[in-house]
Amino acid sequence: MVIESPNPTLIQTYLKNWDKLENYVLQESSLKKLFTKTYPFNNSMDEVLIKVCSLNDFYSTNIFSPFSVAKLPYF
């Protein structure tokens, strides 16, 4: 198996392919809205918690205790 070295053309190809995947495009746009419009600040625990849970779900990060992650170090 030959793995091509990253280069601008290859990167653009992968980005174009990524932009064709409806679920990823919608997930990214919804996260952007969540982080920049709905909850632009991290002033309360519930705002941080919903962000952690959303990231965990969309990216399958396997955060087993989202509450603990959201709580540290701010709350």
N, C-alpha and C. Protein backbone atom coordinates (compact mmCIF):
# COMPACT_ATOMS: atom_id res chain seq x y z
N MET A 1 0.85 -1.18 0.00
CA MET A 1 0.00 0.00 0.00
C MET A 1 0.89 1.24 0.00
N VAL A 2 0.62 2.14 -0.91
CA VAL A 2 1.38 3.38 -1.00
C VAL A 2 0.51 4.50 -0.44
N ILE A 3 1.07 5.22 0.51
CA ILE A 3 0.37 6.35 1.09
C ILE A 3 1.00 7.63 0.56
N GLU A 4 0.18 8.41 -0.12
CA GLU A 4 0.67 9.64 -0.72
C GLU A 4 0.98 10.68 0.36
N SER A 5 2.09 11.38 0.20
CA SER A 5 2.44 12.44 1.13
C SER A 5 1.44 13.59 1.00
N PRO A 6 1.10 14.20 2.12
CA PRO A 6 0.16 15.33 2.06
C PRO A 6 0.72 16.45 1.19
N ASN A 7 -0.15 17.05 0.42
CA ASN A 7 0.21 18.19 -0.41
C ASN A 7 -1.06 19.00 -0.61
N PRO A 8 -0.95 20.23 -1.05
CA PRO A 8 -2.14 21.09 -1.17
C PRO A 8 -3.25 20.49 -2.04
N THR A 9 -2.90 19.85 -3.12
CA THR A 9 -3.90 19.26 -4.01
C THR A 9 -4.64 18.11 -3.32
N LEU A 10 -3.89 17.26 -2.68
CA LEU A 10 -4.50 16.13 -1.97
C LEU A 10 -5.40 16.62 -0.84
N ILE A 11 -4.96 17.61 -0.13
CA ILE A 11 -5.76 18.16 0.97
C ILE A 11 -7.06 18.74 0.44
N GLN A 12 -7.01 19.47 -0.65
CA GLN A 12 -8.22 20.03 -1.24
C GLN A 12 -9.18 18.93 -1.69
N THR A 13 -8.63 17.86 -2.22
CA THR A 13 -9.46 16.72 -2.64
C THR A 13 -10.22 16.14 -1.45
N TYR A 14 -9.50 15.94 -0.34
CA TYR A 14 -10.14 15.39 0.85
C TYR A 14 -11.17 16.36 1.44
N LEU A 15 -10.86 17.64 1.43
CA LEU A 15 -11.81 18.63 1.94
C LEU A 15 -13.08 18.66 1.10
N LYS A 16 -12.94 18.56 -0.20
CA LYS A 16 -14.12 18.52 -1.07
C LYS A 16 -14.96 17.27 -0.79
N ASN A 17 -14.30 16.15 -0.60
CA ASN A 17 -15.02 14.91 -0.27
C ASN A 17 -15.74 15.04 1.07
N TRP A 18 -15.08 15.65 2.04
CA TRP A 18 -15.66 15.86 3.37
C TRP A 18 -16.94 16.71 3.25
N ASP A 19 -16.86 17.76 2.44
CA ASP A 19 -18.00 18.67 2.29
C ASP A 19 -19.19 18.03 1.59
N LYS A 20 -19.01 16.87 1.03
CA LYS A 20 -20.11 16.16 0.37
C LYS A 20 -20.85 15.22 1.34
N LEU A 21 -20.32 15.03 2.52
CA LEU A 21 -20.91 14.13 3.50
C LEU A 21 -21.93 14.90 4.35
N GLU A 22 -23.19 14.73 4.01
CA GLU A 22 -24.26 15.52 4.61
C GLU A 22 -24.23 15.49 6.13
N ASN A 23 -24.06 14.32 6.72
CA ASN A 23 -24.11 14.24 8.18
C ASN A 23 -22.99 15.04 8.83
N TYR A 24 -21.79 15.02 8.27
CA TYR A 24 -20.69 15.79 8.85
C TYR A 24 -20.90 17.29 8.67
N VAL A 25 -21.38 17.67 7.51
CA VAL A 25 -21.64 19.09 7.26
C VAL A 25 -22.67 19.62 8.24
N LEU A 26 -23.75 18.88 8.43
CA LEU A 26 -24.80 19.32 9.35
C LEU A 26 -24.33 19.30 10.81
N GLN A 27 -23.54 18.31 11.17
CA GLN A 27 -23.01 18.27 12.52
C GLN A 27 -22.12 19.48 12.77
N GLU A 28 -21.25 19.78 11.84
CA GLU A 28 -20.35 20.93 12.00
C GLU A 28 -21.14 22.23 12.09
N SER A 29 -22.14 22.39 11.26
CA SER A 29 -22.90 23.64 11.29
C SER A 29 -23.70 23.75 12.59
N SER A 30 -24.23 22.65 13.08
CA SER A 30 -24.98 22.71 14.33
C SER A 30 -24.06 23.00 15.52
N LEU A 31 -22.86 22.43 15.50
CA LEU A 31 -21.91 22.73 16.57
C LEU A 31 -21.47 24.19 16.52
N LYS A 32 -21.27 24.69 15.33
CA LYS A 32 -20.89 26.11 15.20
C LYS A 32 -21.99 27.00 15.77
N LYS A 33 -23.24 26.68 15.46
CA LYS A 33 -24.37 27.45 16.00
C LYS A 33 -24.43 27.33 17.52
N LEU A 34 -24.26 26.13 18.02
CA LEU A 34 -24.30 25.89 19.47
C LEU A 34 -23.22 26.70 20.18
N PHE A 35 -22.00 26.67 19.64
CA PHE A 35 -20.86 27.31 20.30
C PHE A 35 -20.81 28.82 20.11
N THR A 36 -21.31 29.32 18.99
CA THR A 36 -21.15 30.75 18.71
C THR A 36 -22.42 31.58 18.87
N LYS A 37 -23.58 30.95 18.73
CA LYS A 37 -24.83 31.71 18.81
C LYS A 37 -25.67 31.34 20.02
N THR A 38 -25.92 30.06 20.22
CA THR A 38 -26.78 29.63 21.32
C THR A 38 -26.10 29.82 22.67
N TYR A 39 -24.87 29.32 22.78
CA TYR A 39 -24.11 29.42 24.03
C TYR A 39 -22.70 29.94 23.74
N PRO A 40 -22.56 31.23 23.45
CA PRO A 40 -21.25 31.74 23.07
C PRO A 40 -20.27 31.86 24.24
N PHE A 41 -20.77 31.79 25.45
CA PHE A 41 -19.91 31.92 26.62
C PHE A 41 -19.93 30.63 27.42
N ASN A 42 -19.02 30.51 28.31
CA ASN A 42 -18.98 29.34 29.21
C ASN A 42 -19.20 29.82 30.63
N ASN A 43 -20.30 30.55 30.83
CA ASN A 43 -20.57 31.17 32.12
C ASN A 43 -21.32 30.28 33.09
N SER A 44 -21.88 29.21 32.60
CA SER A 44 -22.63 28.34 33.51
C SER A 44 -22.34 26.88 33.18
N MET A 45 -22.51 26.09 34.19
CA MET A 45 -22.24 24.66 34.05
C MET A 45 -23.11 24.02 32.98
N ASP A 46 -24.37 24.39 32.89
CA ASP A 46 -25.25 23.75 31.91
C ASP A 46 -24.83 24.09 30.47
N GLU A 47 -24.30 25.29 30.24
CA GLU A 47 -23.81 25.64 28.90
C GLU A 47 -22.59 24.79 28.51
N VAL A 48 -21.70 24.62 29.44
CA VAL A 48 -20.50 23.82 29.16
C VAL A 48 -20.88 22.35 29.01
N LEU A 49 -21.76 21.88 29.84
CA LEU A 49 -22.16 20.47 29.79
C LEU A 49 -22.81 20.10 28.45
N ILE A 50 -23.68 20.96 27.93
CA ILE A 50 -24.32 20.64 26.66
C ILE A 50 -23.29 20.63 25.53
N LYS A 51 -22.28 21.46 25.62
CA LYS A 51 -21.22 21.47 24.61
C LYS A 51 -20.39 20.19 24.69
N VAL A 52 -20.02 19.79 25.89
CA VAL A 52 -19.25 18.56 26.07
C VAL A 52 -20.04 17.35 25.56
N CYS A 53 -21.30 17.30 25.91
CA CYS A 53 -22.14 16.16 25.49
C CYS A 53 -22.32 16.13 23.98
N SER A 54 -22.47 17.28 23.37
CA SER A 54 -22.62 17.34 21.91
C SER A 54 -21.35 16.87 21.22
N LEU A 55 -20.21 17.36 21.67
CA LEU A 55 -18.94 16.92 21.09
C LEU A 55 -18.74 15.42 21.28
N ASN A 56 -19.06 14.95 22.47
CA ASN A 56 -18.91 13.53 22.76
C ASN A 56 -19.76 12.68 21.84
N ASP A 57 -20.98 13.10 21.61
CA ASP A 57 -21.88 12.34 20.75
C ASP A 57 -21.46 12.40 19.29
N PHE A 58 -21.22 13.59 18.77
CA PHE A 58 -20.90 13.74 17.35
C PHE A 58 -19.58 13.11 16.96
N TYR A 59 -18.59 13.21 17.84
CA TYR A 59 -17.25 12.71 17.51
C TYR A 59 -16.91 11.38 18.17
N SER A 60 -17.86 10.80 18.87
CA SER A 60 -17.64 9.50 19.55
C SER A 60 -16.34 9.50 20.34
N THR A 61 -16.19 10.51 21.20
CA THR A 61 -14.95 10.66 21.96
C THR A 61 -14.84 9.71 23.14
N ASN A 62 -15.93 9.04 23.48
CA ASN A 62 -15.95 8.10 24.61
C ASN A 62 -15.63 8.77 25.94
N ILE A 63 -16.16 9.97 26.12
CA ILE A 63 -16.08 10.61 27.43
C ILE A 63 -17.14 9.94 28.29
N PHE A 64 -16.71 9.20 29.28
CA PHE A 64 -17.64 8.41 30.08
C PHE A 64 -18.30 9.20 31.19
N SER A 65 -17.72 10.34 31.53
CA SER A 65 -18.32 11.20 32.55
C SER A 65 -18.30 12.64 32.06
N PRO A 66 -19.21 12.99 31.17
CA PRO A 66 -19.25 14.36 30.64
C PRO A 66 -19.37 15.42 31.74
N PHE A 67 -20.10 15.10 32.79
CA PHE A 67 -20.24 16.05 33.89
C PHE A 67 -18.88 16.40 34.49
N SER A 68 -18.05 15.38 34.71
CA SER A 68 -16.72 15.63 35.30
C SER A 68 -15.85 16.48 34.38
N VAL A 69 -15.94 16.22 33.08
CA VAL A 69 -15.17 16.99 32.11
C VAL A 69 -15.65 18.43 32.08
N ALA A 70 -16.96 18.62 32.06
CA ALA A 70 -17.52 19.96 32.01
C ALA A 70 -17.23 20.75 33.29
N LYS A 71 -17.14 20.08 34.39
CA LYS A 71 -16.95 20.75 35.68
C LYS A 71 -15.55 21.29 35.87
N LEU A 72 -14.56 20.66 35.30
CA LEU A 72 -13.18 21.08 35.51
C LEU A 72 -12.70 21.99 34.41
N PRO A 73 -11.91 22.96 34.68
CA PRO A 73 -11.53 23.53 35.99
C PRO A 73 -12.39 24.71 36.40
N TYR A 74 -13.45 24.99 35.68
CA TYR A 74 -14.19 26.23 35.89
C TYR A 74 -15.22 26.19 37.00
N PHE A 75 -15.83 25.05 37.26
CA PHE A 75 -16.94 25.03 38.21
C PHE A 75 -16.65 24.14 39.38
